[in-house]
Amino acid sequence: MPSSSSFHTLFTSHDALFIGCAVLAAVLLLAILRYTCHSLNRLTERRKDDPKALQRLHGLLDDLGQTRAVVFYCSLIFIGLYTAYALVKGTSLESHVVEWMNLVIRWTHVVFGIAWIGASFYFNFLENSLNRTQGLREGIAGNLWAIHGGGFYYLEKYKNAPPVIPKDLHWFKYEAYFTWLSGFTLLILVYYLDAKTYLIDPNVMVLYPAAARMIGIGTLGLGWLFYDLLCKSALSRKTILFPFILLLFTTGTAWFLAHVFSSRAAYIHVGAMLGTLMAGNVFRVIIPAQKAMVQAARDGREPDPALGKNALLRSRHNNYFTLPVIFIMISNHFPSTYGGTFNWALLIGLSIVSVLVKHYLNLMERGEKAVWILPVAVTGMIALALTSAPHPKEVCKDGSAPSFAEVQAVITQRCVPCHSSNPTDDVLKTAPNGILFDDPKNIYKYADRILNRAVITKTMPQGNKTGITQEERDLLQCWLLKKN
């Protein structure tokens, strides 16, 4: 348990002030939202005779209600996590607590992400595979027979809405909400709490941690605003121009972040931005449209078909975003992708390949053939792998390798602070991936990994926290390539 001195330090430090301000801001925002909801409720009482105005007011109330819930849960999670972190900061429990927080939140993110992606893939499969021509009842847009788990299933899609809305109507929204909340929490825990190590790379750009965090969060918000405005513009009806502009925007964002953050953080923030677009589609478009359609049906009105079409369009966008987001989220395990000079271009290339694969699968589900897509995607993947292959330059000055003692001295100074049985790093208290370089045998054992991470991709040390120089990287390369 944290000592009494750590509690005293918490409540006499900047952490206490920060937590207090965060609580006050959250309470104030929730109070404003609640007052606005009460005002709108009073307004609905006076506009009962105006169906269109009433529908708009109900939509605003739904939006505000969801916003209140998001603000509440985001504030609760953030304040709770930061308080837990502040309590153990500087104690022997810091690394242990942070690791378990990371594990639980990452586990939550993966579980809800699987549920969300699974539902998205399944409903897009249904939309693509519906029988829309043969033996359809009146009011039915399509049907589908399926077998799964030893049983037969028969599904129908209504053109607009059923005559009576059932009480046990299933909604698919919390998977998206909790995937985004847990993902944003991970962003805070991994990249924002220790911005100097994981978010900022002085070799890329020197930033204050607060400025770096604001850029990261601003990227998510501005990304959603641009995308939402693009979807609401006339360009959204341009089959080729719309995705081209969206691709240009994503490319520009990737290029910008790659020249601001560490390479790993740049990748993750592009993925987080795309994930925010997906969650925003559910939160701001799909669910409100579905609520409006349900309310209209219950009121005996004909639901607006445009709402369903718009929701379906955003759902299709999410379907195509999925594979690029999955690639980006696992990319931090593969420094050969994010560690290169043109890492932003590689990210965009792999995203295009992912979208092509998803488009091929969607066409297959519709019974359409486009045999050229898959070979193009595979060729593109091979081309990206070849163009990103490392080409180390000759750095040995006299053609001979340095001694092991020289190499060990560099590794001891630059790597052992984290990769040792007793790390001296101010954050990491256990060696990453269990790799210990205070044992000389492991320098030989992990020679290829050292070459890849410390020399070729330069993704180690994290954020160059120990200040390794290019001359030292050259020394390591010379020995690693000639040690045999």
Protein backbone atom coordinates (compact mmCIF):
# COMPACT_ATOMS: atom_id res chain seq x y z
CA MET A 1 0.00 0.00 0.00
CA PRO A 2 1.17 3.58 -0.57
CA SER A 3 2.75 5.14 2.51
CA SER A 4 1.10 8.01 4.35
CA SER A 5 3.77 10.32 2.95
CA SER A 6 2.62 9.48 -0.61
CA PHE A 7 -0.94 10.51 0.30
CA HIS A 8 0.37 13.71 1.84
CA THR A 9 2.43 14.36 -1.29
CA LEU A 10 -0.63 13.83 -3.49
CA PHE A 11 -2.75 16.39 -1.70
CA THR A 12 -0.03 19.00 -1.53
CA SER A 13 1.14 18.67 -5.11
CA HIS A 14 0.15 19.87 -8.55
CA ASP A 15 -1.64 16.52 -8.98
CA ALA A 16 -4.21 17.54 -6.37
CA LEU A 17 -4.78 20.87 -8.10
CA PHE A 18 -5.14 19.15 -11.47
CA ILE A 19 -7.61 16.57 -10.13
CA GLY A 20 -9.61 19.29 -8.39
CA CYS A 21 -9.83 21.37 -11.57
CA ALA A 22 -10.86 18.29 -13.58
CA VAL A 23 -13.65 17.48 -11.10
CA LEU A 24 -14.86 21.08 -11.08
CA ALA A 25 -14.86 21.27 -14.90
CA ALA A 26 -16.77 17.98 -15.17
CA VAL A 27 -19.39 19.03 -12.61
CA LEU A 28 -19.84 22.42 -14.30
CA LEU A 29 -20.26 20.86 -17.75
CA LEU A 30 -22.73 18.27 -16.46
CA ALA A 31 -24.73 21.02 -14.74
CA ILE A 32 -24.88 23.04 -17.97
CA LEU A 33 -26.03 20.00 -19.93
CA ARG A 34 -28.66 19.15 -17.33
CA TYR A 35 -30.02 22.70 -17.32
CA THR A 36 -30.18 22.62 -21.14
CA CYS A 37 -32.10 19.33 -21.04
CA HIS A 38 -34.62 20.78 -18.57
CA SER A 39 -35.09 23.82 -20.80
CA LEU A 40 -35.71 21.63 -23.86
CA ASN A 41 -38.18 19.47 -21.91
CA ARG A 42 -40.20 22.57 -21.03
CA LEU A 43 -40.06 23.62 -24.67
CA THR A 44 -41.41 20.26 -25.87
CA GLU A 45 -44.45 20.74 -23.64
CA ARG A 46 -45.24 23.95 -25.53
CA ARG A 47 -44.63 22.50 -29.02
CA LYS A 48 -46.78 19.36 -28.83
CA ASP A 49 -48.89 20.49 -31.77
CA ASP A 50 -45.90 20.80 -34.13
CA PRO A 51 -44.72 17.25 -35.08
CA LYS A 52 -41.63 18.42 -36.98
CA ALA A 53 -40.46 20.71 -34.20
CA LEU A 54 -41.22 18.01 -31.67
CA GLN A 55 -39.10 15.51 -33.62
CA ARG A 56 -36.17 17.93 -33.71
CA LEU A 57 -36.48 18.61 -29.98
CA HIS A 58 -36.58 14.88 -29.19
CA GLY A 59 -33.46 14.46 -31.30
CA LEU A 60 -31.68 17.24 -29.40
CA LEU A 61 -32.71 15.72 -26.09
CA ASP A 62 -31.37 12.33 -27.14
CA ASP A 63 -28.11 13.91 -28.24
CA LEU A 64 -27.76 15.82 -24.98
CA GLY A 65 -28.63 12.76 -22.93
CA GLN A 66 -25.94 10.73 -24.68
CA THR A 67 -23.47 13.60 -24.33
CA ARG A 68 -24.14 13.79 -20.60
CA ALA A 69 -23.48 10.06 -20.28
CA VAL A 70 -20.22 10.31 -22.26
CA VAL A 71 -19.01 13.32 -20.23
CA PHE A 72 -19.88 11.57 -16.98
CA TYR A 73 -18.18 8.27 -17.79
CA CYS A 74 -15.15 9.93 -19.42
CA SER A 75 -14.70 12.19 -16.40
CA LEU A 76 -15.17 9.31 -13.99
CA ILE A 77 -12.65 7.11 -15.79
CA PHE A 78 -10.07 9.84 -16.27
CA ILE A 79 -10.27 11.23 -12.73
CA GLY A 80 -10.27 7.75 -11.21
CA LEU A 81 -7.25 6.59 -13.22
CA TYR A 82 -5.28 9.77 -12.66
CA THR A 83 -6.00 9.68 -8.93
CA ALA A 84 -4.84 6.06 -8.73
CA TYR A 85 -1.72 6.96 -10.69
CA ALA A 86 -0.98 10.01 -8.53
CA LEU A 87 -1.36 7.96 -5.35
CA VAL A 88 1.35 5.49 -6.34
CA LYS A 89 3.58 7.83 -8.35
CA GLY A 90 7.13 7.69 -7.08
CA THR A 91 6.47 4.58 -4.95
CA SER A 92 7.51 0.98 -5.52
CA LEU A 93 3.93 0.22 -6.63
CA GLU A 94 3.91 2.66 -9.54
CA SER A 95 5.01 0.27 -12.27
CA HIS A 96 2.85 -2.58 -10.95
CA VAL A 97 -0.32 -0.48 -10.74
CA VAL A 98 0.21 1.11 -14.16
CA GLU A 99 0.83 -2.31 -15.72
CA TRP A 100 -2.40 -3.73 -14.27
CA MET A 101 -4.36 -0.66 -15.32
CA ASN A 102 -2.95 -1.10 -18.81
CA LEU A 103 -3.86 -4.81 -18.83
CA VAL A 104 -7.45 -4.37 -17.65
CA ILE A 105 -8.21 -1.45 -19.99
CA ARG A 106 -6.53 -3.13 -22.97
CA TRP A 107 -8.49 -6.31 -22.25
CA THR A 108 -11.72 -4.29 -22.12
CA HIS A 109 -10.81 -2.53 -25.36
CA VAL A 110 -10.17 -5.80 -27.18
CA VAL A 111 -13.37 -7.47 -25.90
CA PHE A 112 -15.68 -4.61 -26.84
CA GLY A 113 -13.76 -4.03 -30.08
CA ILE A 114 -14.33 -7.63 -31.13
CA ALA A 115 -18.04 -7.30 -30.30
CA TRP A 116 -18.34 -4.05 -32.29
CA ILE A 117 -16.38 -5.23 -35.31
CA GLY A 118 -18.20 -8.57 -35.28
CA ALA A 119 -21.59 -6.86 -35.31
CA SER A 120 -20.43 -4.45 -38.03
CA PHE A 121 -19.14 -7.26 -40.23
CA TYR A 122 -22.26 -9.34 -39.67
CA PHE A 123 -24.79 -6.61 -40.48
CA ASN A 124 -22.84 -5.47 -43.52
CA PHE A 125 -22.78 -9.10 -44.63
CA LEU A 126 -26.57 -9.21 -44.21
CA GLU A 127 -27.00 -6.01 -46.21
CA ASN A 128 -24.77 -7.34 -48.98
CA SER A 129 -26.32 -10.82 -49.08
CA LEU A 130 -30.07 -10.11 -48.85
CA ASN A 131 -32.38 -11.62 -51.41
CA ARG A 132 -34.11 -8.51 -52.76
CA THR A 133 -36.15 -9.97 -55.63
CA GLN A 134 -37.75 -13.37 -55.00
CA GLY A 135 -40.75 -14.16 -52.80
CA LEU A 136 -40.73 -10.98 -50.74
CA ARG A 137 -43.71 -10.05 -48.60
CA GLU A 138 -45.18 -6.56 -48.85
CA GLY A 139 -43.09 -4.02 -47.00
CA ILE A 140 -40.00 -6.26 -46.96
CA ALA A 141 -36.79 -5.04 -48.60
CA GLY A 142 -35.00 -8.39 -48.48
CA ASN A 143 -34.56 -11.69 -46.65
CA LEU A 144 -31.87 -14.24 -45.93
CA TRP A 145 -31.66 -17.89 -44.95
CA ALA A 146 -28.62 -18.91 -42.89
CA ILE A 147 -27.35 -21.83 -40.84
CA HIS A 148 -25.07 -21.48 -37.85
CA GLY A 149 -24.33 -23.47 -34.73
CA GLY A 150 -26.54 -26.35 -35.79
CA GLY A 151 -29.64 -24.20 -36.40
CA PHE A 152 -31.46 -22.55 -39.30
CA TYR A 153 -32.20 -18.83 -39.24
CA TYR A 154 -34.51 -16.72 -41.37
CA LEU A 155 -34.10 -12.93 -41.37
CA GLU A 156 -36.10 -10.16 -43.00
CA LYS A 157 -35.32 -6.49 -43.50
CA TYR A 158 -38.21 -4.02 -43.65
CA LYS A 159 -38.24 -1.31 -46.29
CA ASN A 160 -38.94 1.26 -43.64
CA ALA A 161 -40.41 0.07 -40.32
CA PRO A 162 -42.68 -2.75 -39.10
CA PRO A 163 -46.32 -1.92 -38.33
CA VAL A 164 -45.64 -2.36 -34.61
CA ILE A 165 -42.29 -1.77 -32.92
CA PRO A 166 -41.59 -4.74 -30.61
CA LYS A 167 -40.65 -4.13 -26.97
CA ASP A 168 -37.61 -6.41 -27.16
CA LEU A 169 -35.91 -4.47 -29.96
CA HIS A 170 -32.14 -5.05 -29.81
CA TRP A 171 -29.79 -2.10 -30.17
CA PHE A 172 -26.12 -2.22 -31.11
CA LYS A 173 -24.41 0.83 -29.64
CA TYR A 174 -22.67 0.08 -26.36
CA GLU A 175 -20.03 -2.02 -28.14
CA ALA A 176 -18.96 1.10 -30.04
CA TYR A 177 -19.18 3.41 -27.05
CA PHE A 178 -17.11 1.25 -24.72
CA THR A 179 -14.58 0.43 -27.43
CA TRP A 180 -13.94 4.14 -27.92
CA LEU A 181 -13.94 4.95 -24.18
CA SER A 182 -11.49 2.15 -23.37
CA GLY A 183 -9.33 3.10 -26.38
CA PHE A 184 -9.18 6.75 -25.35
CA THR A 185 -8.37 5.66 -21.80
CA LEU A 186 -5.48 3.60 -23.15
CA LEU A 187 -4.30 6.64 -25.10
CA ILE A 188 -4.20 8.59 -21.84
CA LEU A 189 -2.56 5.80 -19.87
CA VAL A 190 0.14 4.87 -22.37
CA TYR A 191 0.88 8.10 -24.23
CA TYR A 192 -0.37 11.06 -22.20
CA LEU A 193 0.60 10.18 -18.62
CA ASP A 194 4.19 9.56 -19.71
CA ALA A 195 4.31 11.84 -22.74
CA LYS A 196 8.08 12.37 -22.57
CA THR A 197 8.73 8.68 -23.13
CA TYR A 198 6.09 7.51 -25.58
CA LEU A 199 4.49 10.58 -27.16
CA ILE A 200 7.39 12.98 -27.67
CA ASP A 201 10.57 12.30 -29.62
CA PRO A 202 13.03 15.22 -29.36
CA ASN A 203 14.66 14.07 -32.61
CA VAL A 204 11.33 14.71 -34.37
CA MET A 205 10.09 17.81 -32.55
CA VAL A 206 10.74 19.29 -29.12
CA LEU A 207 7.38 19.73 -27.37
CA TYR A 208 6.07 20.40 -23.91
CA PRO A 209 3.97 17.42 -22.71
CA ALA A 210 0.84 19.60 -22.36
CA ALA A 211 1.22 20.87 -25.94
CA ALA A 212 1.72 17.34 -27.26
CA ARG A 213 -1.42 16.13 -25.48
CA MET A 214 -3.45 19.04 -26.87
CA ILE A 215 -2.24 18.25 -30.40
CA GLY A 216 -3.22 14.59 -29.95
CA ILE A 217 -6.71 15.30 -28.62
CA GLY A 218 -7.17 18.14 -31.13
CA THR A 219 -6.40 15.73 -33.97
CA LEU A 220 -9.28 13.48 -32.90
CA GLY A 221 -11.74 16.36 -32.62
CA LEU A 222 -10.73 18.16 -35.83
CA GLY A 223 -10.68 14.85 -37.70
CA TRP A 224 -14.31 14.21 -36.75
CA LEU A 225 -15.39 17.77 -37.64
CA PHE A 226 -13.77 17.59 -41.09
CA TYR A 227 -15.18 14.15 -41.84
CA ASP A 228 -18.68 15.00 -40.61
CA LEU A 229 -18.80 18.21 -42.67
CA LEU A 230 -17.53 16.28 -45.71
CA CYS A 231 -20.29 13.69 -45.27
CA LYS A 232 -22.93 16.42 -45.02
CA SER A 233 -21.67 18.21 -48.14
CA ALA A 234 -22.59 17.51 -51.75
CA LEU A 235 -19.23 15.75 -52.14
CA SER A 236 -20.57 12.79 -50.17
CA ARG A 237 -22.59 11.80 -53.25
CA LYS A 238 -19.46 11.67 -55.44
CA THR A 239 -18.47 8.01 -55.51
CA ILE A 240 -14.82 8.66 -56.45
CA LEU A 241 -14.18 12.21 -55.25
CA PHE A 242 -15.41 11.64 -51.67
CA PRO A 243 -13.03 8.77 -50.78
CA PHE A 244 -10.20 10.56 -52.61
CA ILE A 245 -10.60 13.71 -50.48
CA LEU A 246 -10.88 11.59 -47.34
CA LEU A 247 -7.69 9.75 -48.33
CA LEU A 248 -5.88 13.06 -48.90
CA PHE A 249 -7.00 14.29 -45.48
CA THR A 250 -5.86 11.08 -43.78
CA THR A 251 -2.54 11.22 -45.63
CA GLY A 252 -2.00 14.83 -44.58
CA THR A 253 -2.83 13.95 -40.98
CA ALA A 254 -0.40 11.00 -41.02
CA TRP A 255 2.36 13.18 -42.51
CA PHE A 256 1.76 15.93 -39.95
CA LEU A 257 1.74 13.59 -36.94
CA ALA A 258 4.85 11.76 -38.19
CA HIS A 259 6.66 15.13 -38.11
CA VAL A 260 5.36 16.01 -34.64
CA PHE A 261 5.19 12.85 -32.48
CA SER A 262 7.31 9.76 -32.04
CA SER A 263 6.70 7.36 -34.93
CA ARG A 264 4.77 4.89 -32.79
CA ALA A 265 2.56 7.64 -31.32
CA ALA A 266 1.92 9.08 -34.80
CA TYR A 267 0.58 5.74 -36.02
CA ILE A 268 -1.60 5.24 -32.96
CA HIS A 269 -3.10 8.71 -33.27
CA VAL A 270 -4.06 8.14 -36.90
CA GLY A 271 -5.76 4.92 -35.80
CA ALA A 272 -7.41 6.73 -32.88
CA MET A 273 -8.69 9.40 -35.27
CA LEU A 274 -10.25 6.78 -37.57
CA GLY A 275 -11.70 5.03 -34.52
CA THR A 276 -13.18 8.35 -33.42
CA LEU A 277 -14.81 8.76 -36.83
CA MET A 278 -16.33 5.30 -36.45
CA ALA A 279 -17.60 5.90 -32.92
CA GLY A 280 -18.82 9.36 -33.94
CA ASN A 281 -20.82 7.80 -36.75
CA VAL A 282 -22.56 5.54 -34.26
CA PHE A 283 -23.02 8.21 -31.58
CA ARG A 284 -23.97 11.19 -33.75
CA VAL A 285 -25.63 9.67 -36.84
CA ILE A 286 -26.58 6.00 -36.73
CA ILE A 287 -28.17 5.76 -33.28
CA PRO A 288 -29.99 9.14 -33.48
CA ALA A 289 -31.39 8.12 -36.89
CA GLN A 290 -32.57 4.80 -35.49
CA LYS A 291 -34.15 6.49 -32.48
CA ALA A 292 -35.98 8.93 -34.74
CA MET A 293 -37.26 6.07 -36.91
CA VAL A 294 -38.46 4.09 -33.88
CA GLN A 295 -40.17 7.15 -32.37
CA ALA A 296 -41.91 7.93 -35.67
CA ALA A 297 -43.18 4.37 -35.98
CA ARG A 298 -44.47 4.42 -32.39
CA ASP A 299 -46.21 7.74 -33.05
CA GLY A 300 -47.91 6.26 -36.10
CA ARG A 301 -45.90 8.41 -38.52
CA GLU A 302 -44.01 7.20 -41.57
CA PRO A 303 -40.27 7.23 -40.71
CA ASP A 304 -38.14 9.44 -42.90
CA PRO A 305 -36.34 7.09 -45.37
CA ALA A 306 -33.43 9.56 -45.60
CA LEU A 307 -32.54 8.82 -41.98
CA GLY A 308 -32.10 5.12 -42.70
CA LYS A 309 -30.11 5.77 -45.88
CA ASN A 310 -27.76 8.16 -44.10
CA ALA A 311 -27.25 5.74 -41.21
CA LEU A 312 -26.54 2.91 -43.66
CA LEU A 313 -23.99 5.06 -45.49
CA ARG A 314 -22.12 5.84 -42.28
CA SER A 315 -22.25 2.16 -41.35
CA ARG A 316 -20.62 1.30 -44.68
CA HIS A 317 -17.91 3.88 -44.01
CA ASN A 318 -17.24 2.18 -40.66
CA ASN A 319 -17.04 -1.14 -42.45
CA TYR A 320 -14.23 0.14 -44.67
CA PHE A 321 -12.41 1.90 -41.80
CA THR A 322 -12.21 -1.32 -39.80
CA LEU A 323 -9.24 -3.09 -41.38
CA PRO A 324 -6.95 -0.01 -41.45
CA VAL A 325 -7.76 0.62 -37.78
CA ILE A 326 -6.99 -2.99 -36.84
CA PHE A 327 -3.66 -2.79 -38.69
CA ILE A 328 -2.69 0.44 -36.93
CA MET A 329 -3.63 -0.92 -33.50
CA ILE A 330 -1.31 -3.92 -33.90
CA SER A 331 1.44 -1.96 -35.68
CA ASN A 332 3.20 -1.02 -32.43
CA HIS A 333 4.46 -4.62 -32.36
CA PHE A 334 6.13 -4.17 -35.76
CA PRO A 335 8.71 -1.35 -35.80
CA SER A 336 9.58 -2.09 -39.42
CA THR A 337 6.28 -0.36 -40.29
CA TYR A 338 6.36 2.74 -38.09
CA GLY A 339 10.13 3.07 -37.73
CA GLY A 340 11.07 4.02 -41.30
CA THR A 341 11.73 7.47 -42.74
CA PHE A 342 8.54 7.44 -44.81
CA ASN A 343 6.44 5.68 -42.17
CA TRP A 344 3.43 7.90 -42.91
CA ALA A 345 3.44 6.79 -46.57
CA LEU A 346 3.71 3.13 -45.53
CA LEU A 347 0.73 3.60 -43.19
CA ILE A 348 -1.38 5.04 -46.01
CA GLY A 349 -0.25 2.30 -48.41
CA LEU A 350 -1.21 -0.45 -45.98
CA SER A 351 -4.53 1.30 -45.30
CA ILE A 352 -5.32 1.35 -49.03
CA VAL A 353 -4.46 -2.35 -49.28
CA SER A 354 -6.76 -3.05 -46.31
CA VAL A 355 -9.65 -1.14 -47.89
CA LEU A 356 -9.15 -3.04 -51.18
CA VAL A 357 -9.33 -6.36 -49.34
CA LYS A 358 -12.51 -5.29 -47.54
CA HIS A 359 -14.06 -4.11 -50.80
CA TYR A 360 -13.25 -7.46 -52.42
CA LEU A 361 -14.96 -9.30 -49.55
CA ASN A 362 -18.01 -7.00 -49.73
CA LEU A 363 -18.35 -7.61 -53.48
CA MET A 364 -18.09 -11.37 -52.91
CA GLU A 365 -20.96 -11.19 -50.40
CA ARG A 366 -23.07 -9.39 -53.02
CA GLY A 367 -22.31 -12.11 -55.56
CA GLU A 368 -20.28 -9.71 -57.70
CA LYS A 369 -16.90 -10.59 -59.18
CA ALA A 370 -13.88 -8.30 -59.24
CA VAL A 371 -11.03 -10.75 -59.62
CA TRP A 372 -8.46 -7.98 -60.12
CA ILE A 373 -8.83 -6.49 -56.63
CA LEU A 374 -7.22 -9.27 -54.57
CA PRO A 375 -4.12 -9.66 -56.81
CA VAL A 376 -3.65 -5.88 -56.75
CA ALA A 377 -3.92 -5.86 -52.94
CA VAL A 378 -1.46 -8.75 -52.55
CA THR A 379 0.96 -7.13 -55.02
CA GLY A 380 0.66 -3.87 -53.12
CA MET A 381 1.45 -5.60 -49.82
CA ILE A 382 4.55 -7.26 -51.30
CA ALA A 383 5.66 -3.96 -52.84
CA LEU A 384 5.32 -2.20 -49.48
CA ALA A 385 7.32 -4.92 -47.75
CA LEU A 386 10.09 -4.65 -50.35
CA THR A 387 10.25 -0.85 -50.42
CA SER A 388 10.37 -0.67 -46.62
CA ALA A 389 13.22 -3.19 -46.37
CA PRO A 390 16.24 -1.73 -44.54
CA HIS A 391 19.44 -0.87 -46.41
CA PRO A 392 22.12 -0.25 -43.77
CA LYS A 393 25.00 1.93 -44.90
CA GLU A 394 28.63 1.03 -44.30
CA VAL A 395 29.63 2.83 -41.13
CA CYS A 396 32.78 0.99 -40.06
CA LYS A 397 35.56 3.55 -40.44
CA ASP A 398 38.53 1.22 -40.87
CA GLY A 399 36.62 -1.89 -41.95
CA SER A 400 37.01 -3.62 -38.59
CA ALA A 401 34.38 -4.19 -35.92
CA PRO A 402 34.60 -2.49 -32.52
CA SER A 403 35.27 -4.61 -29.46
CA PHE A 404 32.50 -6.15 -27.41
CA ALA A 405 33.58 -4.03 -24.46
CA GLU A 406 32.82 -0.84 -26.46
CA VAL A 407 29.41 -2.20 -27.48
CA GLN A 408 28.61 -3.29 -23.92
CA ALA A 409 29.51 0.17 -22.63
CA VAL A 410 26.98 1.79 -25.01
CA ILE A 411 24.25 -0.72 -24.15
CA THR A 412 24.94 -0.34 -20.42
CA GLN A 413 24.56 3.42 -20.64
CA ARG A 414 21.67 3.64 -23.12
CA CYS A 415 19.68 0.38 -22.75
CA VAL A 416 20.29 -1.13 -19.30
CA PRO A 417 18.39 1.66 -17.43
CA CYS A 418 15.23 -0.11 -18.66
CA HIS A 419 16.43 -3.54 -19.78
CA SER A 420 17.87 -4.89 -16.54
CA SER A 421 16.83 -6.98 -13.56
CA ASN A 422 16.65 -3.76 -11.51
CA PRO A 423 15.75 -0.89 -13.88
CA THR A 424 16.75 2.63 -12.86
CA ASP A 425 14.26 4.29 -15.22
CA ASP A 426 11.88 6.71 -13.52
CA VAL A 427 8.81 5.01 -15.03
CA LEU A 428 9.61 1.43 -16.05
CA LYS A 429 10.32 -0.73 -13.02
CA THR A 430 10.35 -4.04 -14.87
CA ALA A 431 12.29 -4.80 -18.05
CA PRO A 432 10.15 -4.48 -21.23
CA ASN A 433 9.39 -7.94 -22.67
CA GLY A 434 11.64 -9.43 -19.99
CA ILE A 435 14.80 -8.62 -22.00
CA LEU A 436 17.79 -8.09 -19.67
CA PHE A 437 20.93 -6.56 -21.14
CA ASP A 438 22.84 -6.54 -17.85
CA ASP A 439 23.56 -10.17 -18.77
CA PRO A 440 26.18 -10.05 -21.62
CA LYS A 441 24.83 -13.28 -23.12
CA ASN A 442 21.57 -11.53 -24.00
CA ILE A 443 23.40 -8.96 -26.12
CA TYR A 444 24.39 -11.82 -28.45
CA LYS A 445 21.00 -13.52 -28.08
CA TYR A 446 19.03 -10.41 -29.09
CA ALA A 447 21.54 -9.03 -31.58
CA ASP A 448 19.06 -8.99 -34.48
CA ARG A 449 16.47 -7.20 -32.37
CA ILE A 450 19.03 -4.61 -31.25
CA LEU A 451 19.97 -4.02 -34.90
CA ASN A 452 16.33 -3.58 -35.90
CA ARG A 453 15.16 -1.40 -32.99
CA ALA A 454 18.22 0.65 -32.02
CA VAL A 455 19.96 1.04 -35.39
CA ILE A 456 17.63 0.59 -38.39
CA THR A 457 14.26 1.88 -37.14
CA LYS A 458 15.71 3.94 -34.26
CA THR A 459 12.62 3.20 -32.21
CA MET A 460 14.71 2.34 -29.14
CA PRO A 461 15.31 3.76 -26.63
CA GLN A 462 11.70 4.95 -26.34
CA GLY A 463 11.68 8.65 -27.18
CA ASN A 464 15.48 8.44 -27.04
CA LYS A 465 15.08 8.93 -23.31
CA THR A 466 18.69 7.98 -22.57
CA GLY A 467 20.11 10.22 -25.31
CA ILE A 468 21.82 7.69 -27.57
CA THR A 469 23.83 9.42 -30.31
CA GLN A 470 24.10 8.57 -34.00
CA GLU A 471 27.79 7.72 -33.47
CA GLU A 472 26.77 5.15 -30.86
CA ARG A 473 24.14 3.69 -33.18
CA ASP A 474 26.82 3.43 -35.89
CA LEU A 475 29.14 1.65 -33.45
CA LEU A 476 26.39 -0.87 -32.62
CA GLN A 477 25.67 -1.43 -36.32
CA CYS A 478 29.32 -1.99 -37.15
CA TRP A 479 29.68 -4.63 -34.43
CA LEU A 480 26.30 -6.28 -35.03
CA LEU A 481 26.92 -6.74 -38.77
CA LYS A 482 30.47 -8.02 -38.36
CA LYS A 483 30.30 -9.97 -35.11
CA ASN A 484 30.08 -13.26 -37.04
